[in-house]
Amino acid sequence: MATILVVDDELGIRDLLSEILNDEGHTVELAENAAQARSLRAQMRPDLVLLDIWMPDTDGVTLLKEWASAGQLTMPVIMMSGHATIDTAVEATRIGATAFLEKPITLQKLLKAVDQGLHKVAPKAPAATMPPLRGNGPVEFTVEQAMTASVSVAVSQVAVPSGPLPQQTFNLDGPLREARDEFERAYFEYHLAKESGSMTRVAEKTGLERTHLYRKLKQLGVDLARSKRSAF
């Protein structure tokens, strides 16, 4: 698995990306601005960087250009933005970015971009050419063009107890919200056990998109990291 640096000034996005990538088995470091990103880049030498464009101190394209000029662009960099233009995508690609992800980022595109980036050789110099662009819409097309091959996404595994599940009882005398949370927790734990901890199959069975499933399990207090550690 890889060491990935996530650079974004939004706490919620950092936490969500960290949770997903950790669940996929990667080691994740977080930076909320360019200054922290510079420091962590020097300390840990990440295998891949997810870099937001719009940040309060130094924008992501400027930081990307800085790394390229200093010979520090030795790892794939995936740019992220909710407001980027085609011109920005062209400039970042010319500098050496491997892909663009448009916010809000879907789980499928995130994992595909990360997998594709980790299997690419890190750029030694700015790219001289780039794929032809289509249309004038959001920069999401750069991701699709960069990823023409079918990518197998690793299935997350969560350690679950073997054998029959214990009988579940609920406190019907408490508030409705607490009773509902108890039921939902038992519901998801049941499906995690039934599907041998596969988040992909649980998402399919419950009809939830995986990003929403992660959030729901976190909200209900289902500690996936602790469940993983208990398996060793």
Protein backbone atom coordinates (compact mmCIF):
# COMPACT_ATOMS: atom_id res chain seq x y z
CA MET A 1 0.00 0.00 0.00
CA ALA A 2 1.03 3.62 -0.52
CA THR A 3 1.70 6.74 1.52
CA ILE A 4 -0.64 9.50 0.32
CA LEU A 5 -0.57 13.19 1.19
CA VAL A 6 -3.96 14.95 1.12
CA VAL A 7 -3.78 18.75 0.87
CA ASP A 8 -7.09 20.59 1.32
CA ASP A 9 -8.17 23.54 3.47
CA GLU A 10 -11.60 21.99 4.13
CA LEU A 11 -11.62 19.80 7.25
CA GLY A 12 -14.58 17.73 6.10
CA ILE A 13 -12.92 16.81 2.81
CA ARG A 14 -9.64 15.94 4.54
CA ASP A 15 -11.42 13.70 7.02
CA LEU A 16 -13.52 11.95 4.36
CA LEU A 17 -10.60 11.30 2.00
CA SER A 18 -8.46 10.11 4.91
CA GLU A 19 -11.16 7.69 6.06
CA ILE A 20 -11.67 6.22 2.60
CA LEU A 21 -7.98 5.89 1.76
CA ASN A 22 -7.14 4.44 5.18
CA ASP A 23 -9.89 1.90 4.69
CA GLU A 24 -8.28 0.94 1.38
CA GLY A 25 -5.06 0.20 3.29
CA HIS A 26 -3.07 3.35 2.50
CA THR A 27 -1.15 5.50 4.97
CA VAL A 28 -2.53 9.03 4.84
CA GLU A 29 -1.01 12.34 5.97
CA LEU A 30 -3.06 15.54 6.01
CA ALA A 31 -2.16 19.17 5.28
CA GLU A 32 -4.57 22.11 5.42
CA ASN A 33 -2.39 24.57 3.51
CA ALA A 34 0.65 24.84 1.26
CA ALA A 35 3.05 25.48 4.15
CA GLN A 36 2.12 22.19 5.82
CA ALA A 37 2.22 20.43 2.44
CA ARG A 38 5.80 21.63 1.83
CA SER A 39 6.91 20.37 5.23
CA LEU A 40 5.23 16.97 4.91
CA ARG A 41 6.48 16.57 1.33
CA ALA A 42 10.05 17.01 2.59
CA GLN A 43 9.59 14.72 5.61
CA MET A 44 7.67 11.76 4.22
CA ARG A 45 8.28 11.74 0.45
CA PRO A 46 4.72 10.55 -0.38
CA ASP A 47 3.93 8.08 -3.14
CA LEU A 48 1.05 10.30 -4.31
CA VAL A 49 -0.45 13.71 -3.50
CA LEU A 50 -4.09 14.80 -3.68
CA LEU A 51 -3.84 18.59 -4.02
CA ASP A 52 -6.65 21.12 -3.79
CA ILE A 53 -6.40 24.12 -6.10
CA TRP A 54 -8.07 26.85 -4.07
CA MET A 55 -6.31 27.35 -0.72
CA PRO A 56 -5.98 30.54 1.35
CA ASP A 57 -2.19 30.92 1.42
CA THR A 58 -0.80 29.46 -1.80
CA ASP A 59 -3.02 27.90 -4.47
CA GLY A 60 -2.42 24.33 -5.59
CA VAL A 61 -1.23 25.17 -9.10
CA THR A 62 1.41 27.52 -7.70
CA LEU A 63 2.57 24.83 -5.27
CA LEU A 64 2.66 22.27 -8.09
CA LYS A 65 4.77 24.69 -10.18
CA GLU A 66 7.06 25.25 -7.19
CA TRP A 67 7.66 21.52 -6.77
CA ALA A 68 8.29 21.09 -10.49
CA SER A 69 10.79 23.98 -10.62
CA ALA A 70 12.69 22.63 -7.60
CA GLY A 71 12.86 19.10 -9.00
CA GLN A 72 10.54 17.86 -6.23
CA LEU A 73 7.73 16.63 -8.47
CA THR A 74 8.89 13.04 -8.02
CA MET A 75 5.42 11.69 -7.19
CA PRO A 76 2.09 11.70 -9.05
CA VAL A 77 -0.11 14.67 -8.13
CA ILE A 78 -3.88 14.60 -8.58
CA MET A 79 -5.48 18.04 -8.54
CA MET A 80 -8.89 18.64 -6.91
CA SER A 81 -11.28 21.55 -7.37
CA GLY A 82 -14.93 22.49 -7.46
CA HIS A 83 -14.43 25.62 -9.55
CA ALA A 84 -11.54 24.91 -11.93
CA THR A 85 -11.67 25.92 -15.59
CA ILE A 86 -10.30 24.21 -18.68
CA ASP A 87 -7.41 26.68 -18.70
CA THR A 88 -6.50 25.63 -15.17
CA ALA A 89 -6.63 21.98 -16.15
CA VAL A 90 -4.38 22.62 -19.16
CA GLU A 91 -1.86 24.54 -17.05
CA ALA A 92 -1.72 21.92 -14.28
CA THR A 93 -1.36 19.10 -16.81
CA ARG A 94 1.44 20.99 -18.56
CA ILE A 95 3.24 21.42 -15.24
CA GLY A 96 2.98 17.73 -14.45
CA ALA A 97 -0.35 16.87 -12.75
CA THR A 98 -1.50 13.36 -13.59
CA ALA A 99 -5.27 13.94 -13.28
CA PHE A 100 -8.05 16.27 -12.16
CA LEU A 101 -10.92 15.40 -9.82
CA GLU A 102 -13.90 17.72 -9.75
CA LYS A 103 -15.64 18.24 -6.40
CA PRO A 104 -17.83 16.77 -5.10
CA ILE A 105 -15.59 13.74 -5.64
CA THR A 106 -17.30 10.40 -6.14
CA LEU A 107 -15.78 7.35 -4.49
CA GLN A 108 -15.40 5.46 -7.76
CA LYS A 109 -13.45 8.27 -9.45
CA LEU A 110 -11.30 8.85 -6.38
CA LEU A 111 -10.20 5.22 -6.12
CA LYS A 112 -9.71 4.95 -9.87
CA ALA A 113 -7.56 8.10 -9.99
CA VAL A 114 -5.47 6.98 -7.02
CA ASP A 115 -4.96 3.49 -8.43
CA GLN A 116 -4.05 4.89 -11.84
CA GLY A 117 -1.69 7.45 -10.33
CA LEU A 118 0.13 4.89 -8.19
CA HIS A 119 0.75 2.69 -11.24
CA LYS A 120 2.25 5.54 -13.24
CA VAL A 121 5.92 6.48 -13.26
CA ALA A 122 6.35 9.82 -11.49
CA PRO A 123 6.96 12.67 -13.97
CA LYS A 124 10.60 13.74 -14.47
CA ALA A 125 9.75 16.87 -16.44
CA PRO A 126 6.61 18.85 -17.37
CA ALA A 127 4.49 17.07 -19.94
CA ALA A 128 5.00 18.36 -23.49
CA THR A 129 1.60 17.29 -24.75
CA MET A 130 -1.80 16.42 -23.37
CA PRO A 131 -4.88 14.58 -24.66
CA PRO A 132 -7.29 16.59 -26.82
CA LEU A 133 -10.00 18.34 -24.84
CA ARG A 134 -13.70 17.88 -25.38
CA GLY A 135 -16.28 20.57 -24.86
CA ASN A 136 -16.33 23.49 -22.47
CA GLY A 137 -17.82 21.80 -19.41
CA PRO A 138 -16.28 20.97 -16.04
CA VAL A 139 -12.74 19.62 -15.89
CA GLU A 140 -13.98 16.12 -15.06
CA PHE A 141 -13.15 15.09 -18.65
CA THR A 142 -9.42 15.19 -17.82
CA VAL A 143 -9.93 12.35 -15.38
CA GLU A 144 -11.78 10.25 -17.93
CA GLN A 145 -9.16 10.83 -20.61
CA ALA A 146 -6.32 10.04 -18.23
CA MET A 147 -7.90 6.73 -17.27
CA THR A 148 -8.71 4.71 -20.36
CA ALA A 149 -7.89 1.35 -18.85
CA SER A 150 -10.26 -0.60 -16.65
CA VAL A 151 -9.03 -0.48 -13.07
CA SER A 152 -9.68 -3.13 -10.45
CA VAL A 153 -10.53 -1.44 -7.16
CA ALA A 154 -9.43 -3.23 -4.03
CA VAL A 155 -12.34 -4.33 -1.88
CA SER A 156 -12.20 -3.08 1.68
CA GLN A 157 -12.34 -5.75 4.33
CA VAL A 158 -13.59 -5.33 7.87
CA ALA A 159 -12.97 -7.93 10.54
CA VAL A 160 -16.25 -9.34 11.83
CA PRO A 161 -17.01 -12.09 14.32
CA SER A 162 -17.54 -15.60 12.99
CA GLY A 163 -20.48 -17.82 13.83
CA PRO A 164 -24.13 -16.89 14.37
CA LEU A 165 -24.93 -13.34 15.37
CA PRO A 166 -26.28 -12.82 18.89
CA GLN A 167 -29.95 -12.02 19.28
CA GLN A 168 -30.47 -8.25 19.12
CA THR A 169 -32.83 -6.43 21.44
CA PHE A 170 -33.85 -2.78 21.32
CA ASN A 171 -34.89 -0.32 24.01
CA LEU A 172 -38.39 0.64 22.97
CA ASP A 173 -38.87 2.93 25.97
CA GLY A 174 -36.27 5.46 24.82
CA PRO A 175 -36.50 8.29 22.28
CA LEU A 176 -37.31 7.32 18.70
CA ARG A 177 -33.95 8.59 17.39
CA GLU A 178 -31.99 6.38 19.80
CA ALA A 179 -34.08 3.33 18.93
CA ARG A 180 -33.61 4.04 15.23
CA ASP A 181 -29.83 4.38 15.64
CA GLU A 182 -29.73 1.07 17.53
CA PHE A 183 -31.64 -0.63 14.74
CA GLU A 184 -29.49 0.88 11.98
CA ARG A 185 -26.30 -0.10 13.82
CA ALA A 186 -27.54 -3.68 14.15
CA TYR A 187 -28.70 -3.64 10.53
CA PHE A 188 -25.30 -2.63 9.16
CA GLU A 189 -23.40 -4.95 11.50
CA TYR A 190 -25.59 -7.79 10.27
CA HIS A 191 -24.82 -7.04 6.62
CA LEU A 192 -21.10 -6.55 7.33
CA ALA A 193 -21.02 -10.00 8.91
CA LYS A 194 -23.11 -11.56 6.15
CA GLU A 195 -20.91 -10.09 3.40
CA SER A 196 -17.63 -10.95 5.17
CA GLY A 197 -16.84 -7.28 5.71
CA SER A 198 -16.96 -6.26 2.03
CA MET A 199 -17.93 -2.59 1.91
CA THR A 200 -18.67 -2.89 -1.80
CA ARG A 201 -21.20 -5.70 -1.32
CA VAL A 202 -22.74 -4.04 1.74
CA ALA A 203 -23.25 -0.87 -0.30
CA GLU A 204 -24.95 -2.90 -3.02
CA LYS A 205 -27.13 -4.83 -0.54
CA THR A 206 -28.25 -1.74 1.39
CA GLY A 207 -28.69 0.47 -1.67
CA LEU A 208 -26.23 3.12 -0.46
CA GLU A 209 -23.39 4.76 -2.38
CA ARG A 210 -20.12 3.82 -0.68
CA THR A 211 -19.21 7.38 0.31
CA HIS A 212 -22.58 7.73 2.07
CA LEU A 213 -22.11 4.29 3.66
CA TYR A 214 -18.76 5.37 5.16
CA ARG A 215 -20.40 8.46 6.63
CA LYS A 216 -23.34 6.48 7.98
CA LEU A 217 -21.13 3.91 9.72
CA LYS A 218 -19.05 6.70 11.24
CA GLN A 219 -22.19 8.47 12.44
CA LEU A 220 -23.45 5.27 14.07
CA GLY A 221 -20.12 4.65 15.79
CA VAL A 222 -19.11 1.55 13.84
CA ASP A 223 -15.31 1.70 14.26
CA LEU A 224 -13.91 0.05 11.13
CA ALA A 225 -10.30 0.78 12.05
CA ARG A 226 -10.66 -0.91 15.42
CA SER A 227 -12.39 -3.87 13.80
CA LYS A 228 -9.46 -4.22 11.41
CA ARG A 229 -6.90 -4.13 14.20
CA SER A 230 -8.74 -6.85 16.11
CA ALA A 231 -8.19 -9.23 13.19
CA PHE A 232 -4.42 -9.29 13.72
